C-alpha cells in the first residue's frame, strides 16, 4: 500500500523517531512525544528521507543509511 502513518508516542528520550514497515507495506513513523516540537519535526524529516531513499529494501549497514538520511 505504501501509506505513511504517523504516530506520536512516548519513547526513551534518546530515540527521536523510527519507521517500521508493516505487513500491508505501509510505513509507520513513530515520533517521540517527549522531545521538543522542533526536534520532532527534524526526526519526521529524517524518517521521510529513509522512505524516499528506499532504505527499507537495502541491505546496507545501518550507519551508512543513517548518514544518507541525515544529508538531506
PDB file of N, CA and C in Angstrom:
ATOM      1  N   UNK A   1       0.809  -1.206   0.000  1.00  0.00           N
ATOM      2  CA  UNK A   1       0.000   0.000   0.000  1.00  0.00           C
ATOM      3  C   UNK A   1       0.848   1.264   0.000  1.00  0.00           C
ATOM      4  N   UNK A   2       1.936   1.268   0.727  1.00  0.00           N
ATOM      5  CA  UNK A   2       2.854   2.403   0.786  1.00  0.00           C
ATOM      6  C   UNK A   2       2.270   3.652   1.429  1.00  0.00           C
ATOM      7  N   UNK A   3       1.279   3.495   2.292  1.00  0.00           N
ATOM      8  CA  UNK A   3       0.770   4.644   3.049  1.00  0.00           C
ATOM      9  C   UNK A   3       1.774   4.991   4.133  1.00  0.00           C
ATOM     10  N   UNK A   4       1.754   6.254   4.555  1.00  0.00           N
ATOM     11  CA  UNK A   4       2.603   6.702   5.658  1.00  0.00           C
ATOM     12  C   UNK A   4       1.687   7.036   6.828  1.00  0.00           C
ATOM     13  N   UNK A   5       1.884   6.329   7.921  1.00  0.00           N
ATOM     14  CA  UNK A   5       1.082   6.514   9.125  1.00  0.00           C
ATOM     15  C   UNK A   5       1.994   7.095  10.196  1.00  0.00           C
ATOM     16  N   UNK A   6       1.587   8.207  10.772  1.00  0.00           N
ATOM     17  CA  UNK A   6       2.415   8.891  11.770  1.00  0.00           C
ATOM     18  C   UNK A   6       1.804   8.683  13.143  1.00  0.00           C
ATOM     19  N   UNK A   7       2.648   8.256  14.059  1.00  0.00           N
ATOM     20  CA  UNK A   7       2.213   8.010  15.433  1.00  0.00           C
ATOM     21  C   UNK A   7       3.134   8.778  16.380  1.00  0.00           C
ATOM     22  N   UNK A   8       2.535   9.505  17.312  1.00  0.00           N
ATOM     23  CA  UNK A   8       3.295  10.235  18.323  1.00  0.00           C
ATOM     24  C   UNK A   8       3.149   9.442  19.629  1.00  0.00           C
ATOM     25  N   UNK A   9       4.248   8.887  20.110  1.00  0.00           N
ATOM     26  CA  UNK A   9       4.222   8.032  21.296  1.00  0.00           C
ATOM     27  C   UNK A   9       5.398   8.365  22.208  1.00  0.00           C
ATOM     28  N   UNK A  10       5.248   8.052  23.473  1.00  0.00           N
ATOM     29  CA  UNK A  10       6.356   8.218  24.406  1.00  0.00           C
ATOM     30  C   UNK A  10       7.391   7.126  24.154  1.00  0.00           C
ATOM     31  N   UNK A  11       8.641   7.551  24.083  1.00  0.00           N
ATOM     32  CA  UNK A  11       9.766   6.639  23.897  1.00  0.00           C
ATOM     33  C   UNK A  11      10.905   7.131  24.772  1.00  0.00           C
ATOM     34  N   UNK A  12      11.948   6.330  24.929  1.00  0.00           N
ATOM     35  CA  UNK A  12      13.118   6.844  25.648  1.00  0.00           C
ATOM     36  C   UNK A  12      13.607   8.139  24.989  1.00  0.00           C
ATOM     37  N   UNK A  13      14.070   9.073  25.790  1.00  0.00           N
ATOM     38  CA  UNK A  13      14.428  10.405  25.288  1.00  0.00           C
ATOM     39  C   UNK A  13      15.480  10.365  24.178  1.00  0.00           C
ATOM     40  N   UNK A  14      16.386   9.402  24.213  1.00  0.00           N
ATOM     41  CA  UNK A  14      17.448   9.355  23.212  1.00  0.00           C
ATOM     42  C   UNK A  14      16.974   8.866  21.843  1.00  0.00           C
ATOM     43  N   UNK A  15      15.727   8.410  21.745  1.00  0.00           N
ATOM     44  CA  UNK A  15      15.155   7.984  20.462  1.00  0.00           C
ATOM     45  C   UNK A  15      14.225   9.082  19.963  1.00  0.00           C
ATOM     46  N   UNK A  16      14.585   9.678  18.827  1.00  0.00           N
ATOM     47  CA  UNK A  16      13.752  10.747  18.256  1.00  0.00           C
ATOM     48  C   UNK A  16      12.611  10.180  17.425  1.00  0.00           C
ATOM     49  N   UNK A  17      12.914   9.147  16.642  1.00  0.00           N
ATOM     50  CA  UNK A  17      11.895   8.558  15.788  1.00  0.00           C
ATOM     51  C   UNK A  17      12.390   7.271  15.164  1.00  0.00           C
ATOM     52  N   UNK A  18      11.460   6.507  14.659  1.00  0.00           N
ATOM     53  CA  UNK A  18      11.775   5.243  13.993  1.00  0.00           C
ATOM     54  C   UNK A  18      10.645   4.944  13.005  1.00  0.00           C
ATOM     55  N   UNK A  19      10.993   4.279  11.918  1.00  0.00           N
ATOM     56  CA  UNK A  19       9.983   3.879  10.940  1.00  0.00           C
ATOM     57  C   UNK A  19      10.001   2.367  10.794  1.00  0.00           C
ATOM     58  N   UNK A  20       8.808   1.785  10.749  1.00  0.00           N
ATOM     59  CA  UNK A  20       8.658   0.339  10.634  1.00  0.00           C
ATOM     60  C   UNK A  20       7.695   0.052   9.485  1.00  0.00           C
ATOM     61  N   UNK A  21       8.094  -0.874   8.621  1.00  0.00           N
ATOM     62  CA  UNK A  21       7.202  -1.370   7.573  1.00  0.00           C
ATOM     63  C   UNK A  21       6.275  -2.403   8.190  1.00  0.00           C
ATOM     64  N   UNK A  22       4.980  -2.321   7.901  1.00  0.00           N
ATOM     65  CA  UNK A  22       4.073  -3.341   8.438  1.00  0.00           C
ATOM     66  C   UNK A  22       3.733  -4.369   7.365  1.00  0.00           C
ATOM     67  N   UNK A  23       2.911  -5.334   7.732  1.00  0.00           N
ATOM     68  CA  UNK A  23       2.586  -6.438   6.826  1.00  0.00           C
ATOM     69  C   UNK A  23       1.802  -5.996   5.590  1.00  0.00           C
ATOM     70  N   UNK A  24       1.224  -4.794   5.618  1.00  0.00           N
ATOM     71  CA  UNK A  24       0.496  -4.269   4.458  1.00  0.00           C
ATOM     72  C   UNK A  24       1.391  -3.469   3.517  1.00  0.00           C
ATOM     73  N   UNK A  25       2.654  -3.306   3.897  1.00  0.00           N
ATOM     74  CA  UNK A  25       3.556  -2.499   3.093  1.00  0.00           C
ATOM     75  C   UNK A  25       3.484  -1.021   3.417  1.00  0.00           C
ATOM     76  N   UNK A  26       2.792  -0.666   4.486  1.00  0.00           N
ATOM     77  CA  UNK A  26       2.695   0.732   4.912  1.00  0.00           C
ATOM     78  C   UNK A  26       3.874   1.090   5.799  1.00  0.00           C
ATOM     79  N   UNK A  27       4.220   2.372   5.804  1.00  0.00           N
ATOM     80  CA  UNK A  27       5.290   2.888   6.646  1.00  0.00           C
ATOM     81  C   UNK A  27       4.674   3.502   7.892  1.00  0.00           C
ATOM     82  N   UNK A  28       5.066   3.011   9.040  1.00  0.00           N
ATOM     83  CA  UNK A  28       4.596   3.539  10.311  1.00  0.00           C
ATOM     84  C   UNK A  28       5.733   4.333  10.931  1.00  0.00           C
ATOM     85  N   UNK A  29       5.573   5.652  10.957  1.00  0.00           N
ATOM     86  CA  UNK A  29       6.580   6.520  11.560  1.00  0.00           C
ATOM     87  C   UNK A  29       6.172   6.777  12.999  1.00  0.00           C
ATOM     88  N   UNK A  30       7.045   6.389  13.920  1.00  0.00           N
ATOM     89  CA  UNK A  30       6.830   6.636  15.342  1.00  0.00           C
ATOM     90  C   UNK A  30       7.736   7.786  15.756  1.00  0.00           C
ATOM     91  N   UNK A  31       7.138   8.852  16.276  1.00  0.00           N
ATOM     92  CA  UNK A  31       7.890  10.021  16.727  1.00  0.00           C
ATOM     93  C   UNK A  31       7.736  10.151  18.235  1.00  0.00           C
ATOM     94  N   UNK A  32       8.808  10.560  18.872  1.00  0.00           N
ATOM     95  CA  UNK A  32       8.833  10.658  20.325  1.00  0.00           C
ATOM     96  C   UNK A  32       8.008  11.841  20.809  1.00  0.00           C
ATOM     97  N   UNK A  33       6.989  11.565  21.608  1.00  0.00           N
ATOM     98  CA  UNK A  33       6.118  12.611  22.153  1.00  0.00           C
ATOM     99  C   UNK A  33       6.819  13.440  23.216  1.00  0.00           C
ATOM    100  N   UNK A  34       7.938  12.934  23.737  1.00  0.00           N
ATOM    101  CA  UNK A  34       8.594  13.567  24.877  1.00  0.00           C
ATOM    102  C   UNK A  34       9.780  14.456  24.508  1.00  0.00           C
ATOM    103  N   UNK A  35       9.937  14.741  23.217  1.00  0.00           N
ATOM    104  CA  UNK A  35      11.012  15.647  22.785  1.00  0.00           C
ATOM    105  C   UNK A  35      10.378  16.947  22.300  1.00  0.00           C
ATOM    106  N   UNK A  36      11.170  18.038  22.241  1.00  0.00           N
ATOM    107  CA  UNK A  36      10.620  19.311  21.779  1.00  0.00           C
ATOM    108  C   UNK A  36      10.077  19.218  20.347  1.00  0.00           C
ATOM    109  N   UNK A  37       9.091  20.057  20.041  1.00  0.00           N
ATOM    110  CA  UNK A  37       8.444  20.036  18.725  1.00  0.00           C
ATOM    111  C   UNK A  37       9.438  20.175  17.581  1.00  0.00           C
ATOM    112  N   UNK A  38      10.410  21.084  17.697  1.00  0.00           N
ATOM    113  CA  UNK A  38      11.354  21.287  16.600  1.00  0.00           C
ATOM    114  C   UNK A  38      12.208  20.041  16.362  1.00  0.00           C
ATOM    115  N   UNK A  39      12.551  19.348  17.419  1.00  0.00           N
ATOM    116  CA  UNK A  39      13.316  18.114  17.285  1.00  0.00           C
ATOM    117  C   UNK A  39      12.449  17.009  16.669  1.00  0.00           C
ATOM    118  N   UNK A  40      11.163  16.997  16.994  1.00  0.00           N
ATOM    119  CA  UNK A  40      10.234  16.014  16.423  1.00  0.00           C
ATOM    120  C   UNK A  40      10.062  16.256  14.923  1.00  0.00           C
ATOM    121  N   UNK A  41       9.984  17.509  14.506  1.00  0.00           N
ATOM    122  CA  UNK A  41       9.884  17.833  13.080  1.00  0.00           C
ATOM    123  C   UNK A  41      11.136  17.352  12.346  1.00  0.00           C
ATOM    124  N   UNK A  42      12.284  17.584  12.941  1.00  0.00           N
ATOM    125  CA  UNK A  42      13.543  17.127  12.344  1.00  0.00           C
ATOM    126  C   UNK A  42      13.558  15.595  12.228  1.00  0.00           C
ATOM    127  N   UNK A  43      13.071  14.921  13.257  1.00  0.00           N
ATOM    128  CA  UNK A  43      13.003  13.452  13.226  1.00  0.00           C
ATOM    129  C   UNK A  43      12.055  12.983  12.123  1.00  0.00           C
ATOM    130  N   UNK A  44      10.925  13.666  11.952  1.00  0.00           N
ATOM    131  CA  UNK A  44       9.978  13.328  10.893  1.00  0.00           C
ATOM    132  C   UNK A  44      10.649  13.446   9.526  1.00  0.00           C
ATOM    133  N   UNK A  45      11.333  14.539   9.300  1.00  0.00           N
ATOM    134  CA  UNK A  45      12.027  14.733   8.013  1.00  0.00           C
ATOM    135  C   UNK A  45      13.063  13.642   7.780  1.00  0.00           C
ATOM    136  N   UNK A  46      13.767  13.276   8.831  1.00  0.00           N
ATOM    137  CA  UNK A  46      14.779  12.223   8.743  1.00  0.00           C
ATOM    138  C   UNK A  46      14.131  10.891   8.347  1.00  0.00           C
ATOM    139  N   UNK A  47      13.031  10.553   8.986  1.00  0.00           N
ATOM    140  CA  UNK A  47      12.353   9.292   8.684  1.00  0.00           C
ATOM    141  C   UNK A  47      11.776   9.290   7.272  1.00  0.00           C
ATOM    142  N   UNK A  48      11.253  10.422   6.825  1.00  0.00           N
ATOM    143  CA  UNK A  48      10.751  10.533   5.445  1.00  0.00           C
ATOM    144  C   UNK A  48      11.885  10.305   4.444  1.00  0.00           C
ATOM    145  N   UNK A  49      13.084  10.782   4.759  1.00  0.00           N
ATOM    146  CA  UNK A  49      14.235  10.555   3.876  1.00  0.00           C
ATOM    147  C   UNK A  49      14.524   9.059   3.748  1.00  0.00           C
ATOM    148  N   UNK A  50      14.415   8.325   4.837  1.00  0.00           N
ATOM    149  CA  UNK A  50      14.608   6.869   4.750  1.00  0.00           C
ATOM    150  C   UNK A  50      13.599   6.261   3.775  1.00  0.00           C
ATOM    151  N   UNK A  51      12.361   6.709   3.842  1.00  0.00           N
ATOM    152  CA  UNK A  51      11.324   6.191   2.943  1.00  0.00           C
ATOM    153  C   UNK A  51      11.632   6.585   1.499  1.00  0.00           C
ATOM    154  N   UNK A  52      11.920   7.852   1.266  1.00  0.00           N
ATOM    155  CA  UNK A  52      12.196   8.336  -0.084  1.00  0.00           C
ATOM    156  C   UNK A  52      13.390   7.640  -0.722  1.00  0.00           C
ATOM    157  N   UNK A  53      14.399   7.329   0.099  1.00  0.00           N
ATOM    158  CA  UNK A  53      15.613   6.707  -0.436  1.00  0.00           C
ATOM    159  C   UNK A  53      15.526   5.182  -0.489  1.00  0.00           C
ATOM    160  N   UNK A  54      14.377   4.626  -0.101  1.00  0.00           N
ATOM    161  CA  UNK A  54      14.177   3.187  -0.216  1.00  0.00           C
ATOM    162  C   UNK A  54      15.024   2.349   0.723  1.00  0.00           C
ATOM    163  N   UNK A  55      15.373   2.891   1.860  1.00  0.00           N
ATOM    164  CA  UNK A  55      16.260   2.197   2.786  1.00  0.00           C
ATOM    165  C   UNK A  55      15.675   0.911   3.358  1.00  0.00           C
ATOM    166  N   UNK A  56      14.400   0.711   3.237  1.00  0.00           N
ATOM    167  CA  UNK A  56      13.779  -0.484   3.796  1.00  0.00           C
ATOM    168  C   UNK A  56      13.984  -1.699   2.904  1.00  0.00           C
ATOM    169  N   UNK A  57      14.537  -1.469   1.739  1.00  0.00           N
ATOM    170  CA  UNK A  57      14.740  -2.565   0.795  1.00  0.00           C
ATOM    171  C   UNK A  57      16.212  -2.747   0.463  1.00  0.00           C
ATOM    172  N   UNK A  58      17.073  -2.116   1.247  1.00  0.00           N
ATOM    173  CA  UNK A  58      18.512  -2.220   1.037  1.00  0.00           C
ATOM    174  C   UNK A  58      19.135  -3.055   2.149  1.00  0.00           C
ATOM    175  N   UNK A  59      20.231  -3.684   1.854  1.00  0.00           N
ATOM    176  CA  UNK A  59      20.923  -4.491   2.849  1.00  0.00           C
ATOM    177  C   UNK A  59      22.177  -3.774   3.361  1.00  0.00           C
ATOM    178  N   UNK A  60      22.292  -2.461   3.104  1.00  0.00           N
ATOM    179  CA  UNK A  60      23.444  -1.696   3.566  1.00  0.00           C
ATOM    180  C   UNK A  60      23.471  -1.645   5.086  1.00  0.00           C
ATOM    181  N   UNK A  61      24.611  -1.280   5.622  1.00  0.00           N
ATOM    182  CA  UNK A  61      24.738  -1.139   7.065  1.00  0.00           C
ATOM    183  C   UNK A  61      23.906   0.029   7.560  1.00  0.00           C
ATOM    184  N   UNK A  62      23.384  -0.092   8.758  1.00  0.00           N
ATOM    185  CA  UNK A  62      22.520   0.927   9.342  1.00  0.00           C
ATOM    186  C   UNK A  62      23.241   2.277   9.436  1.00  0.00           C
ATOM    187  N   UNK A  63      24.497   2.296   9.820  1.00  0.00           N
ATOM    188  CA  UNK A  63      25.237   3.551   9.959  1.00  0.00           C
ATOM    189  C   UNK A  63      25.274   4.293   8.628  1.00  0.00           C
ATOM    190  N   UNK A  64      25.525   3.588   7.557  1.00  0.00           N
ATOM    191  CA  UNK A  64      25.572   4.190   6.234  1.00  0.00           C
ATOM    192  C   UNK A  64      24.207   4.773   5.857  1.00  0.00           C
ATOM    193  N   UNK A  65      23.127   4.046   6.127  1.00  0.00           N
ATOM    194  CA  UNK A  65      21.787   4.523   5.809  1.00  0.00           C
ATOM    195  C   UNK A  65      21.426   5.742   6.652  1.00  0.00           C
ATOM    196  N   UNK A  66      21.824   5.750   7.916  1.00  0.00           N
ATOM    197  CA  UNK A  66      21.564   6.904   8.782  1.00  0.00           C
ATOM    198  C   UNK A  66      22.274   8.135   8.254  1.00  0.00           C
ATOM    199  N   UNK A  67      23.515   7.979   7.818  1.00  0.00           N
ATOM    200  CA  UNK A  67      24.260   9.103   7.261  1.00  0.00           C
ATOM    201  C   UNK A  67      23.612   9.629   5.985  1.00  0.00           C
ATOM    202  N   UNK A  68      23.113   8.737   5.144  1.00  0.00           N
ATOM    203  CA  UNK A  68      22.439   9.163   3.919  1.00  0.00           C
ATOM    204  C   UNK A  68      21.180   9.958   4.237  1.00  0.00           C
ATOM    205  N   UNK A  69      20.399   9.514   5.193  1.00  0.00           N
ATOM    206  CA  UNK A  69      19.155  10.207   5.549  1.00  0.00           C
ATOM    207  C   UNK A  69      19.450  11.543   6.215  1.00  0.00           C
ATOM    208  N   UNK A  70      20.555  11.643   6.918  1.00  0.00           N
ATOM    209  CA  UNK A  70      20.904  12.895   7.609  1.00  0.00           C
ATOM    210  C   UNK A  70      21.442  13.941   6.643  1.00  0.00           C
ATOM    211  N   UNK A  71      21.775  13.564   5.434  1.00  0.00           N
ATOM    212  CA  UNK A  71      22.398  14.513   4.499  1.00  0.00           C
ATOM    213  C   UNK A  71      21.382  15.225   3.593  1.00  0.00           C
ATOM    214  N   UNK A  72      20.085  15.170   3.908  1.00  0.00           N
ATOM    215  CA  UNK A  72      19.076  15.805   3.042  1.00  0.00           C
ATOM    216  C   UNK A  72      19.137  17.299   3.089  1.00  0.00           C
TER     217      UNK A  72
END
